[in-house]
Amino acid sequence: ATLQTPEGGSSGVVTAVAFAADGKQPASGTD
């Protein structure tokens, strides 16, 4: 199931994702 779809941050492509060690904070890189 989808838990979250964070909004914003990209004009077209989200290039990468990673989780922090606590699992509470994912990060993403964008175009």
Full PDB file with SEQRES, HELIX, SHEET, SSBOND, CRYST1, ORIGX, SCALE, CONECT and MASTER records, all heavy atoms in Angstrom:
SEQRES   1 A   31  ALA THR LEU GLN THR PRO GLU GLY GLY SER SER GLY VAL          
SEQRES   2 A   31  VAL THR ALA VAL ALA PHE ALA ALA ASP GLY LYS GLN PRO          
SEQRES   3 A   31  ALA SER GLY THR ASP                                          
SHEET    1 AA1 2 VAL A  14  PHE A  19  0                                        
SHEET    2 AA1 2 PRO A  26  THR A  30 -1                                        
CRYST1    1.000    1.000    1.000  90.00  90.00  90.00 P 1           1          
ORIGX1      1.000000  0.000000  0.000000        0.00000                         
ORIGX2      0.000000  1.000000  0.000000        0.00000                         
ORIGX3      0.000000  0.000000  1.000000        0.00000                         
SCALE1      1.000000  0.000000  0.000000        0.00000                         
SCALE2      0.000000  1.000000  0.000000        0.00000                         
SCALE3      0.000000  0.000000  1.000000        0.00000                         
ATOM      1  N   ALA A   1       0.833  -1.206   0.000  1.00  0.00           N  
ATOM      2  CA  ALA A   1       0.000   0.000   0.000  1.00  0.00           C  
ATOM      3  C   ALA A   1       0.865   1.252   0.000  1.00  0.00           C  
ATOM      4  O   ALA A   1       1.943   1.281   0.595  1.00  0.00           O  
ATOM      5  CB  ALA A   1      -0.913   0.008   1.218  1.00  0.00           C  
ATOM      6  N   THR A   2       0.385   2.312  -0.682  1.00  0.00           N  
ATOM      7  CA  THR A   2       1.054   3.606  -0.638  1.00  0.00           C  
ATOM      8  C   THR A   2       0.778   4.267   0.702  1.00  0.00           C  
ATOM      9  O   THR A   2      -0.382   4.437   1.093  1.00  0.00           O  
ATOM     10  CB  THR A   2       0.555   4.525  -1.765  1.00  0.00           C  
ATOM     11  OG1 THR A   2       0.811   3.916  -3.032  1.00  0.00           O  
ATOM     12  CG2 THR A   2       1.249   5.878  -1.715  1.00  0.00           C  
ATOM     13  N   LEU A   3       1.839   4.630   1.414  1.00  0.00           N  
ATOM     14  CA  LEU A   3       1.701   5.308   2.698  1.00  0.00           C  
ATOM     15  C   LEU A   3       1.727   6.821   2.531  1.00  0.00           C  
ATOM     16  O   LEU A   3       0.971   7.532   3.187  1.00  0.00           O  
ATOM     17  CB  LEU A   3       2.824   4.874   3.648  1.00  0.00           C  
ATOM     18  CG  LEU A   3       2.895   3.380   3.975  1.00  0.00           C  
ATOM     19  CD1 LEU A   3       4.120   3.089   4.826  1.00  0.00           C  
ATOM     20  CD2 LEU A   3       1.625   2.938   4.689  1.00  0.00           C  
ATOM     21  N   GLN A   4       2.596   7.314   1.673  1.00  0.00           N  
ATOM     22  CA  GLN A   4       2.735   8.744   1.440  1.00  0.00           C  
ATOM     23  C   GLN A   4       3.160   8.994   0.006  1.00  0.00           C  
ATOM     24  O   GLN A   4       3.901   8.187  -0.580  1.00  0.00           O  
ATOM     25  CB  GLN A   4       3.779   9.376   2.372  1.00  0.00           C  
ATOM     26  CG  GLN A   4       3.433   9.381   3.837  1.00  0.00           C  
ATOM     27  CD  GLN A   4       2.292  10.317   4.179  1.00  0.00           C  
ATOM     28  OE1 GLN A   4       1.941  11.212   3.406  1.00  0.00           O  
ATOM     29  NE2 GLN A   4       1.690  10.109   5.335  1.00  0.00           N  
ATOM     30  N   THR A   5       2.697  10.109  -0.532  1.00  0.00           N  
ATOM     31  CA  THR A   5       3.212  10.633  -1.795  1.00  0.00           C  
ATOM     32  C   THR A   5       3.588  12.088  -1.549  1.00  0.00           C  
ATOM     33  O   THR A   5       2.765  12.982  -1.717  1.00  0.00           O  
ATOM     34  CB  THR A   5       2.168  10.539  -2.930  1.00  0.00           C  
ATOM     35  OG1 THR A   5       1.718   9.198  -3.037  1.00  0.00           O  
ATOM     36  CG2 THR A   5       2.767  10.961  -4.260  1.00  0.00           C  
ATOM     37  N   PRO A   6       4.815  12.331  -1.071  1.00  0.00           N  
ATOM     38  CA  PRO A   6       5.221  13.709  -0.794  1.00  0.00           C  
ATOM     39  C   PRO A   6       5.106  14.588  -2.026  1.00  0.00           C  
ATOM     40  O   PRO A   6       5.443  14.170  -3.139  1.00  0.00           O  
ATOM     41  CB  PRO A   6       6.678  13.568  -0.352  1.00  0.00           C  
ATOM     42  CG  PRO A   6       6.782  12.160   0.142  1.00  0.00           C  
ATOM     43  CD  PRO A   6       5.861  11.375  -0.745  1.00  0.00           C  
ATOM     44  N   GLU A   7       4.615  15.784  -1.830  1.00  0.00           N  
ATOM     45  CA  GLU A   7       4.370  16.696  -2.948  1.00  0.00           C  
ATOM     46  C   GLU A   7       5.547  17.632  -3.142  1.00  0.00           C  
ATOM     47  O   GLU A   7       6.233  18.019  -2.199  1.00  0.00           O  
ATOM     48  CB  GLU A   7       3.102  17.524  -2.693  1.00  0.00           C  
ATOM     49  CG  GLU A   7       1.830  16.696  -2.618  1.00  0.00           C  
ATOM     50  CD  GLU A   7       1.474  16.046  -3.942  1.00  0.00           C  
ATOM     51  OE1 GLU A   7       1.804  16.625  -4.990  1.00  0.00           O  
ATOM     52  OE2 GLU A   7       0.882  14.951  -3.918  1.00  0.00           O  
ATOM     53  N   GLY A   8       5.766  18.010  -4.395  1.00  0.00           N  
ATOM     54  CA  GLY A   8       6.726  19.065  -4.703  1.00  0.00           C  
ATOM     55  C   GLY A   8       8.146  18.566  -4.853  1.00  0.00           C  
ATOM     56  O   GLY A   8       8.454  17.404  -4.649  1.00  0.00           O  
ATOM     57  N   GLY A   9       9.015  19.479  -5.257  1.00  0.00           N  
ATOM     58  CA  GLY A   9      10.434  19.205  -5.316  1.00  0.00           C  
ATOM     59  C   GLY A   9      10.990  18.923  -6.692  1.00  0.00           C  
ATOM     60  O   GLY A   9      12.182  18.957  -6.893  1.00  0.00           O  
ATOM     61  N   SER A  10      10.136  18.645  -7.661  1.00  0.00           N  
ATOM     62  CA  SER A  10      10.638  18.277  -8.980  1.00  0.00           C  
ATOM     63  C   SER A  10       9.868  19.004 -10.065  1.00  0.00           C  
ATOM     64  O   SER A  10       8.668  19.218  -9.959  1.00  0.00           O  
ATOM     65  CB  SER A  10      10.487  16.766  -9.190  1.00  0.00           C  
ATOM     66  OG  SER A  10      10.738  16.418 -10.529  1.00  0.00           O  
ATOM     67  N   SER A  11      10.579  19.359 -11.125  1.00  0.00           N  
ATOM     68  CA  SER A  11       9.909  19.938 -12.290  1.00  0.00           C  
ATOM     69  C   SER A  11       9.645  18.872 -13.343  1.00  0.00           C  
ATOM     70  O   SER A  11       9.124  19.174 -14.404  1.00  0.00           O  
ATOM     71  CB  SER A  11      10.770  21.061 -12.889  1.00  0.00           C  
ATOM     72  OG  SER A  11      12.012  20.551 -13.340  1.00  0.00           O  
ATOM     73  N   GLY A  12       9.998  17.627 -13.035  1.00  0.00           N  
ATOM     74  CA  GLY A  12       9.752  16.574 -13.998  1.00  0.00           C  
ATOM     75  C   GLY A  12      10.269  15.216 -13.596  1.00  0.00           C  
ATOM     76  O   GLY A  12       9.639  14.212 -13.842  1.00  0.00           O  
ATOM     77  N   VAL A  13      11.434  15.172 -12.922  1.00  0.00           N  
ATOM     78  CA  VAL A  13      12.046  13.900 -12.582  1.00  0.00           C  
ATOM     79  C   VAL A  13      12.610  13.948 -11.161  1.00  0.00           C  
ATOM     80  O   VAL A  13      13.335  14.869 -10.805  1.00  0.00           O  
ATOM     81  CB  VAL A  13      13.199  13.550 -13.554  1.00  0.00           C  
ATOM     82  CG1 VAL A  13      13.834  12.218 -13.171  1.00  0.00           C  
ATOM     83  CG2 VAL A  13      12.705  13.510 -14.992  1.00  0.00           C  
ATOM     84  N   VAL A  14      12.246  12.940 -10.360  1.00  0.00           N  
ATOM     85  CA  VAL A  14      12.925  12.704  -9.083  1.00  0.00           C  
ATOM     86  C   VAL A  14      13.944  11.604  -9.350  1.00  0.00           C  
ATOM     87  O   VAL A  14      13.577  10.473  -9.645  1.00  0.00           O  
ATOM     88  CB  VAL A  14      11.940  12.296  -7.972  1.00  0.00           C  
ATOM     89  CG1 VAL A  14      12.697  12.066  -6.661  1.00  0.00           C  
ATOM     90  CG2 VAL A  14      10.867  13.361  -7.777  1.00  0.00           C  
ATOM     91  N   THR A  15      15.197  11.956  -9.292  1.00  0.00           N  
ATOM     92  CA  THR A  15      16.254  11.100  -9.808  1.00  0.00           C  
ATOM     93  C   THR A  15      16.718  10.016  -8.850  1.00  0.00           C  
ATOM     94  O   THR A  15      17.242   8.998  -9.284  1.00  0.00           O  
ATOM     95  CB  THR A  15      17.470  11.961 -10.180  1.00  0.00           C  
ATOM     96  OG1 THR A  15      17.853  12.714  -9.018  1.00  0.00           O  
ATOM     97  CG2 THR A  15      17.151  12.921 -11.315  1.00  0.00           C  
ATOM     98  N   ALA A  16      16.564  10.244  -7.544  1.00  0.00           N  
ATOM     99  CA  ALA A  16      17.141   9.315  -6.573  1.00  0.00           C  
ATOM    100  C   ALA A  16      16.426   9.428  -5.243  1.00  0.00           C  
ATOM    101  O   ALA A  16      15.918  10.501  -4.896  1.00  0.00           O  
ATOM    102  CB  ALA A  16      18.628   9.618  -6.391  1.00  0.00           C  
ATOM    103  N   VAL A  17      16.410   8.317  -4.496  1.00  0.00           N  
ATOM    104  CA  VAL A  17      15.859   8.323  -3.135  1.00  0.00           C  
ATOM    105  C   VAL A  17      16.788   7.537  -2.221  1.00  0.00           C  
ATOM    106  O   VAL A  17      17.502   6.630  -2.661  1.00  0.00           O  
ATOM    107  CB  VAL A  17      14.437   7.723  -3.070  1.00  0.00           C  
ATOM    108  CG1 VAL A  17      13.430   8.650  -3.717  1.00  0.00           C  
ATOM    109  CG2 VAL A  17      14.382   6.335  -3.684  1.00  0.00           C  
ATOM    110  N   ALA A  18      16.776   7.894  -0.931  1.00  0.00           N  
ATOM    111  CA  ALA A  18      17.563   7.185   0.083  1.00  0.00           C  
ATOM    112  C   ALA A  18      16.913   7.416   1.436  1.00  0.00           C  
ATOM    113  O   ALA A  18      16.307   8.476   1.666  1.00  0.00           O  
ATOM    114  CB  ALA A  18      19.006   7.686   0.098  1.00  0.00           C  
ATOM    115  N   PHE A  19      17.031   6.448   2.332  1.00  0.00           N  
ATOM    116  CA  PHE A  19      16.516   6.581   3.690  1.00  0.00           C  
ATOM    117  C   PHE A  19      17.647   6.879   4.660  1.00  0.00           C  
ATOM    118  O   PHE A  19      18.754   6.340   4.518  1.00  0.00           O  
ATOM    119  CB  PHE A  19      15.835   5.287   4.149  1.00  0.00           C  
ATOM    120  CG  PHE A  19      14.360   5.218   3.881  1.00  0.00           C  
ATOM    121  CD1 PHE A  19      13.880   4.546   2.772  1.00  0.00           C  
ATOM    122  CD2 PHE A  19      13.450   5.811   4.747  1.00  0.00           C  
ATOM    123  CE1 PHE A  19      12.522   4.453   2.523  1.00  0.00           C  
ATOM    124  CE2 PHE A  19      12.085   5.731   4.507  1.00  0.00           C  
ATOM    125  CZ  PHE A  19      11.620   5.054   3.394  1.00  0.00           C  
ATOM    126  N   ALA A  20      17.350   7.684   5.681  1.00  0.00           N  
ATOM    127  CA  ALA A  20      18.264   7.853   6.800  1.00  0.00           C  
ATOM    128  C   ALA A  20      18.218   6.617   7.681  1.00  0.00           C  
ATOM    129  O   ALA A  20      17.308   5.789   7.585  1.00  0.00           O  
ATOM    130  CB  ALA A  20      17.876   9.090   7.609  1.00  0.00           C  
ATOM    131  N   ALA A  21      19.194   6.495   8.567  1.00  0.00           N  
ATOM    132  CA  ALA A  21      19.344   5.295   9.385  1.00  0.00           C  
ATOM    133  C   ALA A  21      18.152   5.042  10.295  1.00  0.00           C  
ATOM    134  O   ALA A  21      17.851   3.889  10.617  1.00  0.00           O  
ATOM    135  CB  ALA A  21      20.619   5.398  10.220  1.00  0.00           C  
ATOM    136  N   ASP A  22      17.448   6.088  10.702  1.00  0.00           N  
ATOM    137  CA  ASP A  22      16.293   5.896  11.586  1.00  0.00           C  
ATOM    138  C   ASP A  22      15.027   5.537  10.819  1.00  0.00           C  
ATOM    139  O   ASP A  22      13.994   5.234  11.428  1.00  0.00           O  
ATOM    140  CB  ASP A  22      16.045   7.131  12.455  1.00  0.00           C  
ATOM    141  CG  ASP A  22      15.706   8.383  11.648  1.00  0.00           C  
ATOM    142  OD1 ASP A  22      15.554   8.303  10.408  1.00  0.00           O  
ATOM    143  OD2 ASP A  22      15.589   9.450  12.278  1.00  0.00           O  
ATOM    144  N   GLY A  23      15.092   5.564   9.496  1.00  0.00           N  
ATOM    145  CA  GLY A  23      13.936   5.211   8.681  1.00  0.00           C  
ATOM    146  C   GLY A  23      12.842   6.250   8.638  1.00  0.00           C  
ATOM    147  O   GLY A  23      11.826   6.055   7.973  1.00  0.00           O  
ATOM    148  N   LYS A  24      13.049   7.367   9.295  1.00  0.00           N  
ATOM    149  CA  LYS A  24      11.996   8.375   9.413  1.00  0.00           C  
ATOM    150  C   LYS A  24      12.102   9.464   8.358  1.00  0.00           C  
ATOM    151  O   LYS A  24      11.144  10.202   8.137  1.00  0.00           O  
ATOM    152  CB  LYS A  24      12.026   9.004  10.802  1.00  0.00           C  
ATOM    153  CG  LYS A  24      11.719   8.033  11.930  1.00  0.00           C  
ATOM    154  CD  LYS A  24      11.801   8.709  13.283  1.00  0.00           C  
ATOM    155  CE  LYS A  24      11.481   7.735  14.411  1.00  0.00           C  
ATOM    156  NZ  LYS A  24      11.587   8.370  15.748  1.00  0.00           N  
ATOM    157  N   GLN A  25      13.278   9.571   7.736  1.00  0.00           N  
ATOM    158  CA  GLN A  25      13.516  10.692   6.833  1.00  0.00           C  
ATOM    159  C   GLN A  25      14.122  10.224   5.516  1.00  0.00           C  
ATOM    160  O   GLN A  25      15.339  10.083   5.405  1.00  0.00           O  
ATOM    161  CB  GLN A  25      14.438  11.722   7.497  1.00  0.00           C  
ATOM    162  CG  GLN A  25      13.865  12.354   8.742  1.00  0.00           C  
ATOM    163  CD  GLN A  25      14.804  13.376   9.351  1.00  0.00           C  
ATOM    164  OE1 GLN A  25      15.862  13.668   8.819  1.00  0.00           O  
ATOM    165  NE2 GLN A  25      14.405  13.922  10.471  1.00  0.00           N  
ATOM    166  N   PRO A  26      13.315   9.990   4.501  1.00  0.00           N  
ATOM    167  CA  PRO A  26      13.879   9.741   3.179  1.00  0.00           C  
ATOM    168  C   PRO A  26      14.330  11.051   2.528  1.00  0.00           C  
ATOM    169  O   PRO A  26      13.806  12.133   2.856  1.00  0.00           O  
ATOM    170  CB  PRO A  26      12.724   9.119   2.405  1.00  0.00           C  
ATOM    171  CG  PRO A  26      11.498   9.615   3.089  1.00  0.00           C  
ATOM    172  CD  PRO A  26      11.859   9.844   4.530  1.00  0.00           C  
ATOM    173  N   ALA A  27      15.297  10.948   1.650  1.00  0.00           N  
ATOM    174  CA  ALA A  27      15.754  12.101   0.875  1.00  0.00           C  
ATOM    175  C   ALA A  27      15.578  11.804  -0.597  1.00  0.00           C  
ATOM    176  O   ALA A  27      15.544  10.648  -1.016  1.00  0.00           O  
ATOM    177  CB  ALA A  27      17.219  12.405   1.166  1.00  0.00           C  
ATOM    178  N   SER A  28      15.468  12.859  -1.395  1.00  0.00           N  
ATOM    179  CA  SER A  28      15.342  12.694  -2.839  1.00  0.00           C  
ATOM    180  C   SER A  28      16.135  13.768  -3.556  1.00  0.00           C  
ATOM    181  O   SER A  28      16.264  14.896  -3.075  1.00  0.00           O  
ATOM    182  CB  SER A  28      13.872  12.756  -3.269  1.00  0.00           C  
ATOM    183  OG  SER A  28      13.287  13.998  -2.917  1.00  0.00           O  
ATOM    184  N   GLY A  29      16.667  13.401  -4.722  1.00  0.00           N  
ATOM    185  CA  GLY A  29      17.325  14.357  -5.600  1.00  0.00           C  
ATOM    186  C   GLY A  29      16.426  14.621  -6.796  1.00  0.00           C  
ATOM    187  O   GLY A  29      15.649  13.742  -7.201  1.00  0.00           O  
ATOM    188  N   THR A  30      16.529  15.823  -7.375  1.00  0.00           N  
ATOM    189  CA  THR A  30      15.600  16.190  -8.434  1.00  0.00           C  
ATOM    190  C   THR A  30      16.299  16.862  -9.611  1.00  0.00           C  
ATOM    191  O   THR A  30      17.442  17.317  -9.517  1.00  0.00           O  
ATOM    192  CB  THR A  30      14.520  17.180  -7.914  1.00  0.00           C  
ATOM    193  OG1 THR A  30      15.093  18.499  -7.807  1.00  0.00           O  
ATOM    194  CG2 THR A  30      13.961  16.746  -6.579  1.00  0.00           C  
ATOM    195  N   ASP A  31      15.532  16.950 -10.715  1.00  0.00           N  
ATOM    196  CA  ASP A  31      16.004  17.663 -11.894  1.00  0.00           C  
ATOM    197  C   ASP A  31      15.869  19.168 -11.742  1.00  0.00           C  
ATOM    198  O   ASP A  31      16.247  19.915 -12.641  1.00  0.00           O  
ATOM    199  CB  ASP A  31      15.254  17.183 -13.134  1.00  0.00           C  
ATOM    200  CG  ASP A  31      13.772  17.521 -13.100  1.00  0.00           C  
ATOM    201  OD1 ASP A  31      13.249  17.839 -12.007  1.00  0.00           O  
ATOM    202  OD2 ASP A  31      13.118  17.476 -14.153  1.00  0.00           O  
TER     203      ASP A  31                                                      
MASTER        0    0    0    0    2    0    0    6  202    1    0    3          
END                                                                             
